[in-house]
Amino acid sequence: MSPRELAVYFTDTKQYFVSESSVYRLLKSRNLNTSPAYIVIKAANEFKDKTTAINQLWQTDFTYLKIIGWGWVYLSTILDDYSHYIVSWKLCATMKSRDATDTIELALKASGCDKPQIPRKPQ
């Protein structure tokens, strides 16, 4: 059991509180710590399926900015993965889902993806 599990078990069964950190120190002093029961997966250096043209994959992000004397503002951006071009951005007062949706709508309009086009066959 992990130190957390042991602390909870001891507190529940013995009706006496012991902190997780105390359990950890006791286990460590007796060399009884075990490795985590999860598998660590290393991130790849690059995507397996790379983009080959613009507008195939967009990335979004919110960046916190503190303006002295005014407060926090949030910069919402949409970045095209292939060109690394910022498709759209919006300075927001909050980080609500509506702010993200507005930025996506701006990106759709700016990229022309808001009006899907069906390619015509050559005659």
PDB file of N, CA and C in Angstrom:
ATOM      1  N   MET A   1       0.840  -1.190   0.000  1.00  0.00           N
ATOM      2  CA  MET A   1       0.000   0.000   0.000  1.00  0.00           C
ATOM      3  C   MET A   1       0.884   1.252   0.000  1.00  0.00           C
ATOM      4  N   SER A   2       0.368   2.304  -0.575  1.00  0.00           N
ATOM      5  CA  SER A   2       1.097   3.580  -0.601  1.00  0.00           C
ATOM      6  C   SER A   2       0.971   4.257   0.765  1.00  0.00           C
ATOM      7  N   PRO A   3       1.831   5.219   1.059  1.00  0.00           N
ATOM      8  CA  PRO A   3       1.702   5.954   2.323  1.00  0.00           C
ATOM      9  C   PRO A   3       0.312   6.568   2.507  1.00  0.00           C
ATOM     10  N   ARG A   4      -0.276   7.060   1.424  1.00  0.00           N
ATOM     11  CA  ARG A   4      -1.628   7.638   1.504  1.00  0.00           C
ATOM     12  C   ARG A   4      -2.651   6.571   1.883  1.00  0.00           C
ATOM     13  N   GLU A   5      -2.576   5.439   1.217  1.00  0.00           N
ATOM     14  CA  GLU A   5      -3.519   4.364   1.514  1.00  0.00           C
ATOM     15  C   GLU A   5      -3.347   3.854   2.941  1.00  0.00           C
ATOM     16  N   LEU A   6      -2.115   3.744   3.381  1.00  0.00           N
ATOM     17  CA  LEU A   6      -1.865   3.287   4.757  1.00  0.00           C
ATOM     18  C   LEU A   6      -2.383   4.291   5.777  1.00  0.00           C
ATOM     19  N   ALA A   7      -2.187   5.579   5.535  1.00  0.00           N
ATOM     20  CA  ALA A   7      -2.673   6.605   6.455  1.00  0.00           C
ATOM     21  C   ALA A   7      -4.191   6.565   6.563  1.00  0.00           C
ATOM     22  N   VAL A   8      -4.869   6.422   5.420  1.00  0.00           N
ATOM     23  CA  VAL A   8      -6.334   6.347   5.427  1.00  0.00           C
ATOM     24  C   VAL A   8      -6.791   5.078   6.132  1.00  0.00           C
ATOM     25  N   TYR A   9      -6.169   3.962   5.837  1.00  0.00           N
ATOM     26  CA  TYR A   9      -6.527   2.686   6.466  1.00  0.00           C
ATOM     27  C   TYR A   9      -6.358   2.772   7.987  1.00  0.00           C
ATOM     28  N   PHE A  10      -5.246   3.308   8.444  1.00  0.00           N
ATOM     29  CA  PHE A  10      -4.971   3.414   9.876  1.00  0.00           C
ATOM     30  C   PHE A  10      -5.995   4.335  10.541  1.00  0.00           C
ATOM     31  N   THR A  11      -6.301   5.464   9.903  1.00  0.00           N
ATOM     32  CA  THR A  11      -7.265   6.413  10.448  1.00  0.00           C
ATOM     33  C   THR A  11      -8.659   5.787  10.514  1.00  0.00           C
ATOM     34  N   ASP A  12      -9.039   5.045   9.474  1.00  0.00           N
ATOM     35  CA  ASP A  12     -10.369   4.431   9.435  1.00  0.00           C
ATOM     36  C   ASP A  12     -10.521   3.258  10.401  1.00  0.00           C
ATOM     37  N   THR A  13      -9.492   2.434  10.529  1.00  0.00           N
ATOM     38  CA  THR A  13      -9.634   1.214  11.337  1.00  0.00           C
ATOM     39  C   THR A  13      -9.249   1.403  12.795  1.00  0.00           C
ATOM     40  N   LYS A  14      -8.291   2.267  13.090  1.00  0.00           N
ATOM     41  CA  LYS A  14      -7.814   2.462  14.470  1.00  0.00           C
ATOM     42  C   LYS A  14      -8.405   3.709  15.122  1.00  0.00           C
ATOM     43  N   GLN A  15      -9.162   4.490  14.327  1.00  0.00           N
ATOM     44  CA  GLN A  15      -9.766   5.724  14.829  1.00  0.00           C
ATOM     45  C   GLN A  15      -8.718   6.683  15.400  1.00  0.00           C
ATOM     46  N   TYR A  16      -7.542   6.706  14.785  1.00  0.00           N
ATOM     47  CA  TYR A  16      -6.458   7.577  15.208  1.00  0.00           C
ATOM     48  C   TYR A  16      -5.829   8.169  13.960  1.00  0.00           C
ATOM     49  N   PHE A  17      -5.716   9.497  13.928  1.00  0.00           N
ATOM     50  CA  PHE A  17      -5.200  10.154  12.733  1.00  0.00           C
ATOM     51  C   PHE A  17      -3.684  10.060  12.646  1.00  0.00           C
ATOM     52  N   VAL A  18      -3.206   9.753  11.460  1.00  0.00           N
ATOM     53  CA  VAL A  18      -1.782   9.806  11.159  1.00  0.00           C
ATOM     54  C   VAL A  18      -1.657  10.403   9.757  1.00  0.00           C
ATOM     55  N   SER A  19      -0.721  11.315   9.592  1.00  0.00           N
ATOM     56  CA  SER A  19      -0.591  11.982   8.293  1.00  0.00           C
ATOM     57  C   SER A  19       0.138  11.095   7.289  1.00  0.00           C
ATOM     58  N   GLU A  20      -0.120  11.366   6.036  1.00  0.00           N
ATOM     59  CA  GLU A  20       0.545  10.643   4.951  1.00  0.00           C
ATOM     60  C   GLU A  20       2.060  10.837   5.017  1.00  0.00           C
ATOM     61  N   SER A  21       2.478  12.057   5.327  1.00  0.00           N
ATOM     62  CA  SER A  21       3.921  12.339   5.386  1.00  0.00           C
ATOM     63  C   SER A  21       4.595  11.574   6.526  1.00  0.00           C
ATOM     64  N   SER A  22       3.889  11.399   7.649  1.00  0.00           N
ATOM     65  CA  SER A  22       4.454  10.626   8.765  1.00  0.00           C
ATOM     66  C   SER A  22       4.612   9.163   8.366  1.00  0.00           C
ATOM     67  N   VAL A  23       3.601   8.635   7.700  1.00  0.00           N
ATOM     68  CA  VAL A  23       3.677   7.244   7.241  1.00  0.00           C
ATOM     69  C   VAL A  23       4.839   7.109   6.256  1.00  0.00           C
ATOM     70  N   TYR A  24       4.983   8.068   5.355  1.00  0.00           N
ATOM     71  CA  TYR A  24       6.067   8.027   4.378  1.00  0.00           C
ATOM     72  C   TYR A  24       7.430   8.010   5.075  1.00  0.00           C
ATOM     73  N   ARG A  25       7.611   8.903   6.058  1.00  0.00           N
ATOM     74  CA  ARG A  25       8.892   8.954   6.784  1.00  0.00           C
ATOM     75  C   ARG A  25       9.180   7.640   7.516  1.00  0.00           C
ATOM     76  N   LEU A  26       8.134   7.047   8.122  1.00  0.00           N
ATOM     77  CA  LEU A  26       8.335   5.761   8.817  1.00  0.00           C
ATOM     78  C   LEU A  26       8.732   4.660   7.842  1.00  0.00           C
ATOM     79  N   LEU A  27       8.047   4.602   6.712  1.00  0.00           N
ATOM     80  CA  LEU A  27       8.369   3.581   5.714  1.00  0.00           C
ATOM     81  C   LEU A  27       9.782   3.795   5.164  1.00  0.00           C
ATOM     82  N   LYS A  28      10.123   5.058   4.911  1.00  0.00           N
ATOM     83  CA  LYS A  28      11.447   5.368   4.366  1.00  0.00           C
ATOM     84  C   LYS A  28      12.554   4.992   5.350  1.00  0.00           C
ATOM     85  N   SER A  29      12.333   5.239   6.648  1.00  0.00           N
ATOM     86  CA  SER A  29      13.358   4.933   7.644  1.00  0.00           C
ATOM     87  C   SER A  29      13.615   3.429   7.749  1.00  0.00           C
ATOM     88  N   ARG A  30      12.627   2.638   7.330  1.00  0.00           N
ATOM     89  CA  ARG A  30      12.783   1.179   7.369  1.00  0.00           C
ATOM     90  C   ARG A  30      12.958   0.584   5.965  1.00  0.00           C
ATOM     91  N   ASN A  31      13.185   1.477   4.983  1.00  0.00           N
ATOM     92  CA  ASN A  31      13.402   1.075   3.593  1.00  0.00           C
ATOM     93  C   ASN A  31      12.254   0.215   3.055  1.00  0.00           C
ATOM     94  N   LEU A  32      11.020   0.649   3.357  1.00  0.00           N
ATOM     95  CA  LEU A  32       9.838  -0.111   2.937  1.00  0.00           C
ATOM     96  C   LEU A  32       9.006   0.610   1.866  1.00  0.00           C
ATOM     97  N   ASN A  33       9.515   1.712   1.333  1.00  0.00           N
ATOM     98  CA  ASN A  33       8.781   2.406   0.277  1.00  0.00           C
ATOM     99  C   ASN A  33       8.785   1.571  -0.992  1.00  0.00           C
ATOM    100  N   THR A  34       7.649   1.557  -1.658  1.00  0.00           N
ATOM    101  CA  THR A  34       7.545   0.813  -2.921  1.00  0.00           C
ATOM    102  C   THR A  34       7.452   1.809  -4.068  1.00  0.00           C
ATOM    103  N   SER A  35       7.748   1.347  -5.264  1.00  0.00           N
ATOM    104  CA  SER A  35       7.624   2.220  -6.427  1.00  0.00           C
ATOM    105  C   SER A  35       6.144   2.407  -6.734  1.00  0.00           C
ATOM    106  N   PRO A  36       5.802   3.504  -7.412  1.00  0.00           N
ATOM    107  CA  PRO A  36       4.397   3.762  -7.745  1.00  0.00           C
ATOM    108  C   PRO A  36       3.808   2.633  -8.574  1.00  0.00           C
ATOM    109  N   ALA A  37       2.492   2.445  -8.432  1.00  0.00           N
ATOM    110  CA  ALA A  37       1.805   1.373  -9.137  1.00  0.00           C
ATOM    111  C   ALA A  37       1.345   1.799 -10.528  1.00  0.00           C
ATOM    112  N   TYR A  38       1.894   2.876 -11.041  1.00  0.00           N
ATOM    113  CA  TYR A  38       1.510   3.327 -12.373  1.00  0.00           C
ATOM    114  C   TYR A  38       2.720   3.296 -13.300  1.00  0.00           C
ATOM    115  N   ILE A  39       2.424   3.264 -14.585  1.00  0.00           N
ATOM    116  CA  ILE A  39       3.482   3.210 -15.591  1.00  0.00           C
ATOM    117  C   ILE A  39       3.666   4.622 -16.153  1.00  0.00           C
ATOM    118  N   VAL A  40       4.886   5.098 -16.158  1.00  0.00           N
ATOM    119  CA  VAL A  40       5.174   6.412 -16.700  1.00  0.00           C
ATOM    120  C   VAL A  40       5.421   6.272 -18.201  1.00  0.00           C
ATOM    121  N   ILE A  41       4.669   7.031 -18.971  1.00  0.00           N
ATOM    122  CA  ILE A  41       4.797   6.987 -20.428  1.00  0.00           C
ATOM    123  C   ILE A  41       5.506   8.264 -20.863  1.00  0.00           C
ATOM    124  N   LYS A  42       6.554   8.114 -21.604  1.00  0.00           N
ATOM    125  CA  LYS A  42       7.335   9.263 -22.064  1.00  0.00           C
ATOM    126  C   LYS A  42       6.682   9.852 -23.316  1.00  0.00           C
ATOM    127  N   ALA A  43       6.655  11.160 -23.368  1.00  0.00           N
ATOM    128  CA  ALA A  43       6.092  11.844 -24.530  1.00  0.00           C
ATOM    129  C   ALA A  43       7.041  11.709 -25.718  1.00  0.00           C
ATOM    130  N   ALA A  44       6.463  11.635 -26.904  1.00  0.00           N
ATOM    131  CA  ALA A  44       7.272  11.551 -28.125  1.00  0.00           C
ATOM    132  C   ALA A  44       7.846  12.926 -28.454  1.00  0.00           C
ATOM    133  N   ASN A  45       8.889  12.955 -29.247  1.00  0.00           N
ATOM    134  CA  ASN A  45       9.493  14.213 -29.664  1.00  0.00           C
ATOM    135  C   ASN A  45       8.681  14.913 -30.747  1.00  0.00           C
ATOM    136  N   GLU A  46       7.851  14.158 -31.454  1.00  0.00           N
ATOM    137  CA  GLU A  46       7.034  14.744 -32.514  1.00  0.00           C
ATOM    138  C   GLU A  46       5.775  13.908 -32.685  1.00  0.00           C
ATOM    139  N   PHE A  47       4.774  14.499 -33.374  1.00  0.00           N
ATOM    140  CA  PHE A  47       3.534  13.788 -33.643  1.00  0.00           C
ATOM    141  C   PHE A  47       3.769  12.630 -34.607  1.00  0.00           C
ATOM    142  N   LYS A  48       3.032  11.558 -34.407  1.00  0.00           N
ATOM    143  CA  LYS A  48       3.126  10.415 -35.316  1.00  0.00           C
ATOM    144  C   LYS A  48       2.530  10.775 -36.682  1.00  0.00           C
ATOM    145  N   ASP A  49       1.354  11.379 -36.659  1.00  0.00           N
ATOM    146  CA  ASP A  49       0.681  11.793 -37.892  1.00  0.00           C
ATOM    147  C   ASP A  49       0.859  13.303 -38.053  1.00  0.00           C
ATOM    148  N   LYS A  50       1.829  13.702 -38.853  1.00  0.00           N
ATOM    149  CA  LYS A  50       2.136  15.116 -39.030  1.00  0.00           C
ATOM    150  C   LYS A  50       1.160  15.770 -39.995  1.00  0.00           C
ATOM    151  N   THR A  51       0.929  17.053 -39.752  1.00  0.00           N
ATOM    152  CA  THR A  51       0.066  17.793 -40.666  1.00  0.00           C
ATOM    153  C   THR A  51       0.822  18.067 -41.965  1.00  0.00           C
ATOM    154  N   THR A  52       0.080  18.088 -43.058  1.00  0.00           N
ATOM    155  CA  THR A  52       0.693  18.293 -44.376  1.00  0.00           C
ATOM    156  C   THR A  52       0.174  19.543 -45.072  1.00  0.00           C
ATOM    157  N   ALA A  53      -0.774  20.227 -44.449  1.00  0.00           N
ATOM    158  CA  ALA A  53      -1.335  21.443 -45.038  1.00  0.00           C
ATOM    159  C   ALA A  53      -1.953  22.289 -43.919  1.00  0.00           C
ATOM    160  N   ILE A  54      -2.231  23.526 -44.250  1.00  0.00           N
ATOM    161  CA  ILE A  54      -2.845  24.410 -43.261  1.00  0.00           C
ATOM    162  C   ILE A  54      -4.273  23.940 -42.945  1.00  0.00           C
ATOM    163  N   ASN A  55      -4.757  24.325 -41.778  1.00  0.00           N
ATOM    164  CA  ASN A  55      -6.122  24.064 -41.302  1.00  0.00           C
ATOM    165  C   ASN A  55      -6.440  22.590 -41.069  1.00  0.00           C
ATOM    166  N   GLN A  56      -5.431  21.743 -40.995  1.00  0.00           N
ATOM    167  CA  GLN A  56      -5.685  20.344 -40.644  1.00  0.00           C
ATOM    168  C   GLN A  56      -5.765  20.168 -39.133  1.00  0.00           C
ATOM    169  N   LEU A  57      -4.983  20.967 -38.395  1.00  0.00           N
ATOM    170  CA  LEU A  57      -4.951  20.866 -36.940  1.00  0.00           C
ATOM    171  C   LEU A  57      -4.657  22.231 -36.350  1.00  0.00           C
ATOM    172  N   TRP A  58      -5.504  22.634 -35.423  1.00  0.00           N
ATOM    173  CA  TRP A  58      -5.301  23.882 -34.719  1.00  0.00           C
ATOM    174  C   TRP A  58      -5.003  23.592 -33.259  1.00  0.00           C
ATOM    175  N   GLN A  59      -4.235  24.454 -32.654  1.00  0.00           N
ATOM    176  CA  GLN A  59      -3.956  24.368 -31.224  1.00  0.00           C
ATOM    177  C   GLN A  59      -4.503  25.626 -30.571  1.00  0.00           C
ATOM    178  N   THR A  60      -4.995  25.475 -29.350  1.00  0.00           N
ATOM    179  CA  THR A  60      -5.535  26.628 -28.637  1.00  0.00           C
ATOM    180  C   THR A  60      -4.867  26.768 -27.283  1.00  0.00           C
ATOM    181  N   ASP A  61      -4.852  27.993 -26.785  1.00  0.00           N
ATOM    182  CA  ASP A  61      -4.210  28.233 -25.495  1.00  0.00           C
ATOM    183  C   ASP A  61      -4.749  29.517 -24.893  1.00  0.00           C
ATOM    184  N   PHE A  62      -4.792  29.547 -23.566  1.00  0.00           N
ATOM    185  CA  PHE A  62      -5.074  30.767 -22.820  1.00  0.00           C
ATOM    186  C   PHE A  62      -3.802  31.162 -22.097  1.00  0.00           C
ATOM    187  N   THR A  63      -3.410  32.408 -22.180  1.00  0.00           N
ATOM    188  CA  THR A  63      -2.245  32.924 -21.471  1.00  0.00           C
ATOM    189  C   THR A  63      -2.711  33.991 -20.500  1.00  0.00           C
ATOM    190  N   TYR A  64      -2.254  33.887 -19.237  1.00  0.00           N
ATOM    191  CA  TYR A  64      -2.608  34.865 -18.211  1.00  0.00           C
ATOM    192  C   TYR A  64      -1.695  36.079 -18.338  1.00  0.00           C
ATOM    193  N   LEU A  65      -2.265  37.260 -18.270  1.00  0.00           N
ATOM    194  CA  LEU A  65      -1.490  38.497 -18.287  1.00  0.00           C
ATOM    195  C   LEU A  65      -1.995  39.388 -17.158  1.00  0.00           C
ATOM    196  N   LYS A  66      -1.100  39.841 -16.311  1.00  0.00           N
ATOM    197  CA  LYS A  66      -1.509  40.758 -15.240  1.00  0.00           C
ATOM    198  C   LYS A  66      -1.094  42.172 -15.615  1.00  0.00           C
ATOM    199  N   ILE A  67      -2.075  43.049 -15.670  1.00  0.00           N
ATOM    200  CA  ILE A  67      -1.824  44.443 -15.989  1.00  0.00           C
ATOM    201  C   ILE A  67      -1.890  45.211 -14.669  1.00  0.00           C
ATOM    202  N   ILE A  68      -0.769  45.786 -14.284  1.00  0.00           N
ATOM    203  CA  ILE A  68      -0.674  46.483 -13.010  1.00  0.00           C
ATOM    204  C   ILE A  68      -1.677  47.632 -12.966  1.00  0.00           C
ATOM    205  N   GLY A  69      -2.411  47.691 -11.878  1.00  0.00           N
ATOM    206  CA  GLY A  69      -3.408  48.744 -11.709  1.00  0.00           C
ATOM    207  C   GLY A  69      -4.738  48.439 -12.366  1.00  0.00           C
ATOM    208  N   TRP A  70      -4.818  47.270 -13.037  1.00  0.00           N
ATOM    209  CA  TRP A  70      -6.077  46.932 -13.706  1.00  0.00           C
ATOM    210  C   TRP A  70      -6.531  45.534 -13.339  1.00  0.00           C
ATOM    211  N   GLY A  71      -5.634  44.563 -13.382  1.00  0.00           N
ATOM    212  CA  GLY A  71      -6.000  43.193 -13.024  1.00  0.00           C
ATOM    213  C   GLY A  71      -5.583  42.198 -14.089  1.00  0.00           C
ATOM    214  N   TRP A  72      -6.191  41.022 -13.992  1.00  0.00           N
ATOM    215  CA  TRP A  72      -5.857  39.928 -14.907  1.00  0.00           C
ATOM    216  C   TRP A  72      -6.675  40.009 -16.186  1.00  0.00           C
ATOM    217  N   VAL A  73      -6.013  39.711 -17.298  1.00  0.00           N
ATOM    218  CA  VAL A  73      -6.688  39.505 -18.588  1.00  0.00           C
ATOM    219  C   VAL A  73      -6.146  38.203 -19.167  1.00  0.00           C
ATOM    220  N   TYR A  74      -6.864  37.657 -20.097  1.00  0.00           N
ATOM    221  CA  TYR A  74      -6.520  36.351 -20.647  1.00  0.00           C
ATOM    222  C   TYR A  74      -6.470  36.444 -22.166  1.00  0.00           C
ATOM    223  N   LEU A  75      -5.356  36.014 -22.731  1.00  0.00           N
ATOM    224  CA  LEU A  75      -5.184  36.028 -24.177  1.00  0.00           C
ATOM    225  C   LEU A  75      -5.507  34.632 -24.708  1.00  0.00           C
ATOM    226  N   SER A  76      -6.562  34.557 -25.490  1.00  0.00           N
ATOM    227  CA  SER A  76      -6.977  33.292 -26.098  1.00  0.00           C
ATOM    228  C   SER A  76      -6.462  33.273 -27.538  1.00  0.00           C
ATOM    229  N   THR A  77      -5.739  32.217 -27.907  1.00  0.00           N
ATOM    230  CA  THR A  77      -5.170  32.138 -29.262  1.00  0.00           C
ATOM    231  C   THR A  77      -5.504  30.814 -29.926  1.00  0.00           C
ATOM    232  N   ILE A  78      -5.558  30.853 -31.244  1.00  0.00           N
ATOM    233  CA  ILE A  78      -5.684  29.660 -32.080  1.00  0.00           C
ATOM    234  C   ILE A  78      -4.485  29.668 -33.018  1.00  0.00           C
ATOM    235  N   LEU A  79      -3.689  28.599 -32.969  1.00  0.00           N
ATOM    236  CA  LEU A  79      -2.472  28.490 -33.773  1.00  0.00           C
ATOM    237  C   LEU A  79      -2.618  27.337 -34.760  1.00  0.00           C
ATOM    238  N   ASP A  80      -2.273  27.596 -36.019  1.00  0.00           N
ATOM    239  CA  ASP A  80      -2.285  26.534 -37.020  1.00  0.00           C
ATOM    240  C   ASP A  80      -1.028  25.683 -36.842  1.00  0.00           C
ATOM    241  N   ASP A  81      -1.204  24.367 -36.716  1.00  0.00           N
ATOM    242  CA  ASP A  81      -0.082  23.469 -36.446  1.00  0.00           C
ATOM    243  C   ASP A  81       0.913  23.416 -37.602  1.00  0.00           C
ATOM    244  N   TYR A  82       0.432  23.460 -38.815  1.00  0.00           N
ATOM    245  CA  TYR A  82       1.317  23.320 -39.983  1.00  0.00           C
ATOM    246  C   TYR A  82       2.147  24.580 -40.224  1.00  0.00           C
ATOM    247  N   SER A  83       1.485  25.731 -40.253  1.00  0.00           N
ATOM    248  CA  SER A  83       2.184  26.974 -40.591  1.00  0.00           C
ATOM    249  C   SER A  83       2.743  27.697 -39.365  1.00  0.00           C
ATOM    250  N   HIS A  84       2.305  27.303 -38.186  1.00  0.00           N
ATOM    251  CA  HIS A  84       2.676  27.972 -36.931  1.00  0.00           C
ATOM    252  C   HIS A  84       2.199  29.427 -36.938  1.00  0.00           C
ATOM    253  N   TYR A  85       1.161  29.694 -37.692  1.00  0.00           N
ATOM    254  CA  TYR A  85       0.594  31.030 -37.810  1.00  0.00           C
ATOM    255  C   TYR A  85      -0.551  31.166 -36.814  1.00  0.00           C
ATOM    256  N   ILE A  86      -0.642  32.299 -36.136  1.00  0.00           N
ATOM    257  CA  ILE A  86      -1.784  32.536 -35.250  1.00  0.00           C
ATOM    258  C   ILE A  86      -2.975  32.889 -36.133  1.00  0.00           C
ATOM    259  N   VAL A  87      -3.952  32.004 -36.140  1.00  0.00           N
ATOM    260  CA  VAL A  87      -5.126  32.174 -36.993  1.00  0.00           C
ATOM    261  C   VAL A  87      -6.032  33.245 -36.414  1.00  0.00           C
ATOM    262  N   SER A  88      -6.212  33.232 -35.080  1.00  0.00           N
ATOM    263  CA  SER A  88      -7.018  34.259 -34.423  1.00  0.00           C
ATOM    264  C   SER A  88      -6.597  34.392 -32.967  1.00  0.00           C
ATOM    265  N   TRP A  89      -6.943  35.529 -32.394  1.00  0.00           N
ATOM    266  CA  TRP A  89      -6.682  35.762 -30.982  1.00  0.00           C
ATOM    267  C   TRP A  89      -7.733  36.706 -30.446  1.00  0.00           C
ATOM    268  N   LYS A  90      -7.917  36.641 -29.124  1.00  0.00           N
ATOM    269  CA  LYS A  90      -8.890  37.512 -28.481  1.00  0.00           C
ATOM    270  C   LYS A  90      -8.426  37.776 -27.057  1.00  0.00           C
ATOM    271  N   LEU A  91      -8.466  39.029 -26.630  1.00  0.00           N
ATOM    272  CA  LEU A  91      -8.160  39.398 -25.256  1.00  0.00           C
ATOM    273  C   LEU A  91      -9.467  39.332 -24.474  1.00  0.00           C
ATOM    274  N   CYS A  92      -9.482  38.530 -23.408  1.00  0.00           N
ATOM    275  CA  CYS A  92     -10.719  38.258 -22.678  1.00  0.00           C
ATOM    276  C   CYS A  92     -10.606  38.682 -21.217  1.00  0.00           C
ATOM    277  N   ALA A  93     -11.743  38.990 -20.615  1.00  0.00           N
ATOM    278  CA  ALA A  93     -11.787  39.334 -19.189  1.00  0.00           C
ATOM    279  C   ALA A  93     -11.918  38.078 -18.333  1.00  0.00           C
ATOM    280  N   THR A  94     -12.344  36.967 -18.938  1.00  0.00           N
ATOM    281  CA  THR A  94     -12.515  35.699 -18.224  1.00  0.00           C
ATOM    282  C   THR A  94     -11.934  34.572 -19.070  1.00  0.00           C
ATOM    283  N   MET A  95     -11.983  33.362 -18.526  1.00  0.00           N
ATOM    284  CA  MET A  95     -11.569  32.172 -19.294  1.00  0.00           C
ATOM    285  C   MET A  95     -12.752  31.214 -19.420  1.00  0.00           C
ATOM    286  N   LYS A  96     -13.896  31.755 -19.688  1.00  0.00           N
ATOM    287  CA  LYS A  96     -15.106  30.940 -19.805  1.00  0.00           C
ATOM    288  C   LYS A  96     -15.144  30.269 -21.169  1.00  0.00           C
ATOM    289  N   SER A  97     -15.956  29.220 -21.259  1.00  0.00           N
ATOM    290  CA  SER A  97     -16.055  28.473 -22.515  1.00  0.00           C
ATOM    291  C   SER A  97     -16.520  29.373 -23.662  1.00  0.00           C
ATOM    292  N   ARG A  98     -17.324  30.370 -23.357  1.00  0.00           N
ATOM    293  CA  ARG A  98     -17.805  31.290 -24.391  1.00  0.00           C
ATOM    294  C   ARG A  98     -16.635  32.059 -25.012  1.00  0.00           C
ATOM    295  N   ASP A  99     -15.640  32.396 -24.191  1.00  0.00           N
ATOM    296  CA  ASP A  99     -14.461  33.102 -24.709  1.00  0.00           C
ATOM    297  C   ASP A  99     -13.693  32.220 -25.693  1.00  0.00           C
ATOM    298  N   ALA A 100     -13.536  30.938 -25.356  1.00  0.00           N
ATOM    299  CA  ALA A 100     -12.859  30.001 -26.253  1.00  0.00           C
ATOM    300  C   ALA A 100     -13.669  29.817 -27.539  1.00  0.00           C
ATOM    301  N   THR A 101     -14.981  29.703 -27.391  1.00  0.00           N
ATOM    302  CA  THR A 101     -15.856  29.537 -28.554  1.00  0.00           C
ATOM    303  C   THR A 101     -15.777  30.757 -29.475  1.00  0.00           C
ATOM    304  N   ASP A 102     -15.760  31.948 -28.877  1.00  0.00           N
ATOM    305  CA  ASP A 102     -15.640  33.177 -29.693  1.00  0.00           C
ATOM    306  C   ASP A 102     -14.335  33.182 -30.488  1.00  0.00           C
ATOM    307  N   THR A 103     -13.242  32.745 -29.850  1.00  0.00           N
ATOM    308  CA  THR A 103     -11.941  32.720 -30.532  1.00  0.00           C
ATOM    309  C   THR A 103     -11.957  31.711 -31.678  1.00  0.00           C
ATOM    310  N   ILE A 104     -12.602  30.570 -31.458  1.00  0.00           N
ATOM    311  CA  ILE A 104     -12.723  29.555 -32.520  1.00  0.00           C
ATOM    312  C   ILE A 104     -13.550  30.099 -33.681  1.00  0.00           C
ATOM    313  N   GLU A 105     -14.639  30.795 -33.367  1.00  0.00           N
ATOM    314  CA  GLU A 105     -15.465  31.378 -34.428  1.00  0.00           C
ATOM    315  C   GLU A 105     -14.683  32.421 -35.239  1.00  0.00           C
ATOM    316  N   LEU A 106     -13.853  33.205 -34.545  1.00  0.00           N
ATOM    317  CA  LEU A 106     -12.997  34.167 -35.248  1.00  0.00           C
ATOM    318  C   LEU A 106     -12.016  33.439 -36.171  1.00  0.00           C
ATOM    319  N   ALA A 107     -11.463  32.319 -35.702  1.00  0.00           N
ATOM    320  CA  ALA A 107     -10.515  31.536 -36.503  1.00  0.00           C
ATOM    321  C   ALA A 107     -11.204  30.929 -37.722  1.00  0.00           C
ATOM    322  N   LEU A 108     -12.410  30.421 -37.531  1.00  0.00           N
ATOM    323  CA  LEU A 108     -13.154  29.847 -38.657  1.00  0.00           C
ATOM    324  C   LEU A 108     -13.401  30.898 -39.731  1.00  0.00           C
ATOM    325  N   LYS A 109     -13.791  32.096 -39.298  1.00  0.00           N
ATOM    326  CA  LYS A 109     -14.052  33.175 -40.248  1.00  0.00           C
ATOM    327  C   LYS A 109     -12.758  33.626 -40.934  1.00  0.00           C
ATOM    328  N   ALA A 110     -11.684  33.811 -40.163  1.00  0.00           N
ATOM    329  CA  ALA A 110     -10.415  34.292 -40.716  1.00  0.00           C
ATOM    330  C   ALA A 110      -9.803  33.294 -41.699  1.00  0.00           C
ATOM    331  N   SER A 111      -9.998  32.002 -41.464  1.00  0.00           N
ATOM    332  CA  SER A 111      -9.397  30.982 -42.317  1.00  0.00           C
ATOM    333  C   SER A 111     -10.278  30.600 -43.507  1.00  0.00           C
ATOM    334  N   GLY A 112     -11.532  31.026 -43.464  1.00  0.00           N
ATOM    335  CA  GLY A 112     -12.462  30.641 -44.525  1.00  0.00           C
ATOM    336  C   GLY A 112     -13.085  29.288 -44.295  1.00  0.00           C
ATOM    337  N   CYS A 113     -12.808  28.689 -43.169  1.00  0.00           N
ATOM    338  CA  CYS A 113     -13.370  27.364 -42.869  1.00  0.00           C
ATOM    339  C   CYS A 113     -14.829  27.433 -42.423  1.00  0.00           C
ATOM    340  N   ASP A 114     -15.360  28.638 -42.261  1.00  0.00           N
ATOM    341  CA  ASP A 114     -16.770  28.765 -41.883  1.00  0.00           C
ATOM    342  C   ASP A 114     -17.695  28.525 -43.071  1.00  0.00           C
ATOM    343  N   LYS A 115     -17.123  28.522 -44.290  1.00  0.00           N
ATOM    344  CA  LYS A 115     -17.900  28.256 -45.501  1.00  0.00           C
ATOM    345  C   LYS A 115     -17.256  27.084 -46.240  1.00  0.00           C
ATOM    346  N   PRO A 116     -17.668  25.876 -45.890  1.00  0.00           N
ATOM    347  CA  PRO A 116     -17.058  24.699 -46.548  1.00  0.00           C
ATOM    348  C   PRO A 116     -17.252  24.744 -48.061  1.00  0.00           C
ATOM    349  N   GLN A 117     -16.228  24.354 -48.765  1.00  0.00           N
ATOM    350  CA  GLN A 117     -16.286  24.324 -50.232  1.00  0.00           C
ATOM    351  C   GLN A 117     -16.075  22.902 -50.711  1.00  0.00           C
ATOM    352  N   ILE A 118     -16.920  22.479 -51.609  1.00  0.00           N
ATOM    353  CA  ILE A 118     -16.778  21.159 -52.198  1.00  0.00           C
ATOM    354  C   ILE A 118     -16.035  21.332 -53.517  1.00  0.00           C
ATOM    355  N   PRO A 119     -14.895  20.666 -53.663  1.00  0.00           N
ATOM    356  CA  PRO A 119     -14.139  20.826 -54.913  1.00  0.00           C
ATOM    357  C   PRO A 119     -14.923  20.278 -56.106  1.00  0.00           C
ATOM    358  N   ARG A 120     -14.837  20.992 -57.218  1.00  0.00           N
ATOM    359  CA  ARG A 120     -15.531  20.547 -58.435  1.00  0.00           C
ATOM    360  C   ARG A 120     -14.588  19.658 -59.229  1.00  0.00           C
ATOM    361  N   LYS A 121     -15.166  18.711 -59.907  1.00  0.00           N
ATOM    362  CA  LYS A 121     -14.382  17.840 -60.771  1.00  0.00           C
ATOM    363  C   LYS A 121     -14.028  18.601 -62.057  1.00  0.00           C
ATOM    364  N   PRO A 122     -12.813  18.407 -62.539  1.00  0.00           N
ATOM    365  CA  PRO A 122     -12.449  19.070 -63.801  1.00  0.00           C
ATOM    366  C   PRO A 122     -13.315  18.572 -64.938  1.00  0.00           C
ATOM    367  N   GLN A 123     -13.641  19.445 -65.877  1.00  0.00           N
ATOM    368  CA  GLN A 123     -14.508  19.060 -66.996  1.00  0.00           C
ATOM    369  C   GLN A 123     -13.730  18.550 -68.154  1.00  0.00           C
TER     370      GLN A 123
END
